[in-house]
Amino acid sequence: MKAKVAYADQCLGAWASWVRGNQTAWPARTLLARIIEEGAGASHNSYVETMPEMIGQTDRAVARIPGDLRQVIKVYYLTHASSEIKAARCHISRATFWRRVERGQIAVFDQLDRETPDSYSPAYLQSVAI
């Protein structure tokens, strides 16, 4: 289980870094949604920014987990504050906050694992956990 949490934490850290650095690009939209909303396409010169594939996979995984876990994951990874402040923002105790962070990380891993089952070999998970 530690390997799953470590891998999810690595993916979520990269996701959060990308999101914070690309505020205008998040929340993620599909390419089709961007084309419709921004009028980009073959007849337009608009630039359509896309997420790197792994960031997109992680973003989809976050979107698929239960709402209470999604809220904690977003607060944990996308805000800079103490755990007391983050827990208060989620209206839960600090202990509950930390339990939900770990449950959220495992849920994100499970979603990533469903999307790309061959990507996470036991050897890779073992190296992440070390």
C-alpha atoms as a PDB file:
ATOM      1  CA  MET A   1       0.000   0.000   0.000  1.00  0.00           C
ATOM      2  CA  LYS A   2       2.898   2.374   0.662  1.00  0.00           C
ATOM      3  CA  ALA A   3       4.011   2.005  -2.948  1.00  0.00           C
ATOM      4  CA  LYS A   4       0.551   2.974  -4.198  1.00  0.00           C
ATOM      5  CA  VAL A   5       0.493   6.037  -1.954  1.00  0.00           C
ATOM      6  CA  ALA A   6       4.022   7.013  -3.014  1.00  0.00           C
ATOM      7  CA  TYR A   7       3.200   6.652  -6.693  1.00  0.00           C
ATOM      8  CA  ALA A   8      -0.065   8.587  -6.357  1.00  0.00           C
ATOM      9  CA  ASP A   9       1.719  11.291  -4.365  1.00  0.00           C
ATOM     10  CA  GLN A  10       4.311  11.620  -7.134  1.00  0.00           C
ATOM     11  CA  CYS A  11       1.603  11.904  -9.808  1.00  0.00           C
ATOM     12  CA  LEU A  12      -0.502  14.302  -7.738  1.00  0.00           C
ATOM     13  CA  GLY A  13       2.540  16.458  -7.002  1.00  0.00           C
ATOM     14  CA  ALA A  14       3.279  16.781 -10.713  1.00  0.00           C
ATOM     15  CA  TRP A  15      -0.419  17.439 -11.404  1.00  0.00           C
ATOM     16  CA  ALA A  16      -0.581  20.151  -8.735  1.00  0.00           C
ATOM     17  CA  SER A  17       2.596  21.784 -10.014  1.00  0.00           C
ATOM     18  CA  TRP A  18       1.199  21.865 -13.547  1.00  0.00           C
ATOM     19  CA  VAL A  19      -2.165  23.201 -12.367  1.00  0.00           C
ATOM     20  CA  ARG A  20      -0.570  25.979 -10.295  1.00  0.00           C
ATOM     21  CA  GLY A  21       1.643  26.929 -13.237  1.00  0.00           C
ATOM     22  CA  ASN A  22      -1.213  26.899 -15.763  1.00  0.00           C
ATOM     23  CA  GLN A  23      -4.120  28.523 -13.958  1.00  0.00           C
ATOM     24  CA  THR A  24      -5.814  29.548 -17.209  1.00  0.00           C
ATOM     25  CA  ALA A  25      -5.728  25.960 -18.468  1.00  0.00           C
ATOM     26  CA  TRP A  26      -7.398  24.356 -15.476  1.00  0.00           C
ATOM     27  CA  PRO A  27      -9.879  22.926 -14.792  1.00  0.00           C
ATOM     28  CA  ALA A  28      -8.991  20.717 -17.685  1.00  0.00           C
ATOM     29  CA  ARG A  29     -11.239  20.693 -20.696  1.00  0.00           C
ATOM     30  CA  THR A  30     -11.204  18.295 -23.533  1.00  0.00           C
ATOM     31  CA  LEU A  31      -9.765  19.465 -26.816  1.00  0.00           C
ATOM     32  CA  LEU A  32     -13.275  19.427 -28.282  1.00  0.00           C
ATOM     33  CA  ALA A  33     -14.583  21.634 -25.447  1.00  0.00           C
ATOM     34  CA  ARG A  34     -11.747  24.119 -26.010  1.00  0.00           C
ATOM     35  CA  ILE A  35     -12.451  24.204 -29.747  1.00  0.00           C
ATOM     36  CA  ILE A  36     -16.133  24.851 -29.126  1.00  0.00           C
ATOM     37  CA  GLU A  37     -15.550  27.488 -26.434  1.00  0.00           C
ATOM     38  CA  GLU A  38     -12.605  29.261 -28.026  1.00  0.00           C
ATOM     39  CA  GLY A  39     -13.429  28.791 -31.688  1.00  0.00           C
ATOM     40  CA  ALA A  40     -10.071  27.163 -32.396  1.00  0.00           C
ATOM     41  CA  GLY A  41      -9.762  24.832 -35.309  1.00  0.00           C
ATOM     42  CA  ALA A  42      -8.515  24.505 -38.829  1.00  0.00           C
ATOM     43  CA  SER A  43      -9.953  27.887 -39.822  1.00  0.00           C
ATOM     44  CA  HIS A  44      -8.661  29.716 -36.735  1.00  0.00           C
ATOM     45  CA  ASN A  45      -5.206  30.568 -35.463  1.00  0.00           C
ATOM     46  CA  SER A  46      -6.065  30.225 -31.751  1.00  0.00           C
ATOM     47  CA  TYR A  47      -3.631  28.292 -29.600  1.00  0.00           C
ATOM     48  CA  VAL A  48      -5.184  25.376 -27.755  1.00  0.00           C
ATOM     49  CA  GLU A  49      -3.083  24.343 -24.764  1.00  0.00           C
ATOM     50  CA  THR A  50      -3.215  20.725 -23.697  1.00  0.00           C
ATOM     51  CA  MET A  51      -2.113  18.939 -20.578  1.00  0.00           C
ATOM     52  CA  PRO A  52       0.756  16.483 -20.768  1.00  0.00           C
ATOM     53  CA  GLU A  53      -0.688  12.967 -20.936  1.00  0.00           C
ATOM     54  CA  MET A  54       0.295  11.906 -17.395  1.00  0.00           C
ATOM     55  CA  ILE A  55      -1.084  15.146 -15.949  1.00  0.00           C
ATOM     56  CA  GLY A  56      -4.317  14.573 -17.866  1.00  0.00           C
ATOM     57  CA  GLN A  57      -4.560  11.011 -16.580  1.00  0.00           C
ATOM     58  CA  THR A  58      -4.071  12.232 -13.023  1.00  0.00           C
ATOM     59  CA  ASP A  59      -6.623  15.010 -13.543  1.00  0.00           C
ATOM     60  CA  ARG A  60      -9.172  12.471 -14.789  1.00  0.00           C
ATOM     61  CA  ALA A  61      -8.372  10.224 -11.821  1.00  0.00           C
ATOM     62  CA  VAL A  62      -8.984  13.098  -9.387  1.00  0.00           C
ATOM     63  CA  ALA A  63     -12.269  13.887 -11.126  1.00  0.00           C
ATOM     64  CA  ARG A  64     -13.443  10.272 -10.712  1.00  0.00           C
ATOM     65  CA  ILE A  65     -12.844   9.815  -6.983  1.00  0.00           C
ATOM     66  CA  PRO A  66     -15.633  10.461  -4.448  1.00  0.00           C
ATOM     67  CA  GLY A  67     -16.368  14.117  -3.683  1.00  0.00           C
ATOM     68  CA  ASP A  68     -15.147  14.122  -0.078  1.00  0.00           C
ATOM     69  CA  LEU A  69     -11.798  12.639  -1.129  1.00  0.00           C
ATOM     70  CA  ARG A  70     -11.558  14.927  -4.173  1.00  0.00           C
ATOM     71  CA  GLN A  71     -12.053  17.990  -1.969  1.00  0.00           C
ATOM     72  CA  VAL A  72      -9.280  16.912   0.418  1.00  0.00           C
ATOM     73  CA  ILE A  73      -6.905  16.041  -2.436  1.00  0.00           C
ATOM     74  CA  LYS A  74      -7.439  19.438  -4.063  1.00  0.00           C
ATOM     75  CA  VAL A  75      -6.989  21.308  -0.786  1.00  0.00           C
ATOM     76  CA  TYR A  76      -3.928  19.245   0.153  1.00  0.00           C
ATOM     77  CA  TYR A  77      -2.133  19.574  -3.177  1.00  0.00           C
ATOM     78  CA  LEU A  78      -3.317  22.942  -4.483  1.00  0.00           C
ATOM     79  CA  THR A  79      -3.142  25.187  -1.420  1.00  0.00           C
ATOM     80  CA  HIS A  80      -0.265  26.385   0.701  1.00  0.00           C
ATOM     81  CA  ALA A  81      -1.272  26.340   4.359  1.00  0.00           C
ATOM     82  CA  SER A  82      -0.798  24.327   7.517  1.00  0.00           C
ATOM     83  CA  SER A  83      -2.671  21.063   7.924  1.00  0.00           C
ATOM     84  CA  GLU A  84      -4.855  22.713  10.589  1.00  0.00           C
ATOM     85  CA  ILE A  85      -5.989  25.367   8.106  1.00  0.00           C
ATOM     86  CA  LYS A  86      -6.470  22.811   5.333  1.00  0.00           C
ATOM     87  CA  ALA A  87      -8.554  20.584   7.627  1.00  0.00           C
ATOM     88  CA  ALA A  88     -10.651  23.561   8.743  1.00  0.00           C
ATOM     89  CA  ARG A  89     -11.251  24.501   5.126  1.00  0.00           C
ATOM     90  CA  CYS A  90     -12.660  20.998   4.576  1.00  0.00           C
ATOM     91  CA  HIS A  91     -14.700  21.248   7.821  1.00  0.00           C
ATOM     92  CA  ILE A  92     -13.066  18.173   9.327  1.00  0.00           C
ATOM     93  CA  SER A  93     -10.558  17.422  12.077  1.00  0.00           C
ATOM     94  CA  ARG A  94      -6.875  17.276  11.289  1.00  0.00           C
ATOM     95  CA  ALA A  95      -6.794  13.511  11.932  1.00  0.00           C
ATOM     96  CA  THR A  96      -9.709  12.971   9.542  1.00  0.00           C
ATOM     97  CA  PHE A  97      -7.989  15.200   7.003  1.00  0.00           C
ATOM     98  CA  TRP A  98      -4.851  13.036   7.012  1.00  0.00           C
ATOM     99  CA  ARG A  99      -6.869   9.806   6.774  1.00  0.00           C
ATOM    100  CA  ARG A 100      -8.774  11.196   3.786  1.00  0.00           C
ATOM    101  CA  VAL A 101      -5.571  12.362   2.107  1.00  0.00           C
ATOM    102  CA  GLU A 102      -4.244   8.798   2.218  1.00  0.00           C
ATOM    103  CA  ARG A 103      -7.584   7.319   1.114  1.00  0.00           C
ATOM    104  CA  GLY A 104      -7.679   9.881  -1.701  1.00  0.00           C
ATOM    105  CA  GLN A 105      -4.166   8.977  -2.812  1.00  0.00           C
ATOM    106  CA  ILE A 106      -5.102   5.295  -2.914  1.00  0.00           C
ATOM    107  CA  ALA A 107      -8.296   6.123  -4.819  1.00  0.00           C
ATOM    108  CA  VAL A 108      -6.303   8.160  -7.345  1.00  0.00           C
ATOM    109  CA  PHE A 109      -3.848   5.292  -7.762  1.00  0.00           C
ATOM    110  CA  ASP A 110      -6.724   2.876  -8.349  1.00  0.00           C
ATOM    111  CA  GLN A 111      -8.166   5.187 -11.020  1.00  0.00           C
ATOM    112  CA  LEU A 112      -4.774   5.542 -12.702  1.00  0.00           C
ATOM    113  CA  ASP A 113      -4.325   1.785 -12.549  1.00  0.00           C
ATOM    114  CA  ARG A 114      -7.669   1.258 -14.309  1.00  0.00           C
ATOM    115  CA  GLU A 115      -6.804   3.732 -17.050  1.00  0.00           C
ATOM    116  CA  THR A 116      -3.323   2.401 -17.813  1.00  0.00           C
ATOM    117  CA  PRO A 117      -2.979  -1.028 -16.203  1.00  0.00           C
ATOM    118  CA  ASP A 118       0.379  -1.846 -17.820  1.00  0.00           C
ATOM    119  CA  SER A 119       2.075   1.336 -16.630  1.00  0.00           C
ATOM    120  CA  TYR A 120       2.631   0.356 -13.035  1.00  0.00           C
ATOM    121  CA  SER A 121       4.683  -2.789 -12.807  1.00  0.00           C
ATOM    122  CA  PRO A 122       5.388  -4.262  -9.357  1.00  0.00           C
ATOM    123  CA  ALA A 123       9.093  -3.469  -9.883  1.00  0.00           C
ATOM    124  CA  TYR A 124       8.309   0.200 -10.531  1.00  0.00           C
ATOM    125  CA  LEU A 125       6.034   0.398  -7.507  1.00  0.00           C
ATOM    126  CA  GLN A 126       8.759  -1.175  -5.390  1.00  0.00           C
ATOM    127  CA  SER A 127      11.298   1.432  -6.566  1.00  0.00           C
ATOM    128  CA  VAL A 128       8.879   4.275  -5.796  1.00  0.00           C
ATOM    129  CA  ALA A 129       8.286   2.960  -2.276  1.00  0.00           C
ATOM    130  CA  ILE A 130      12.007   2.831  -1.441  1.00  0.00           C
END
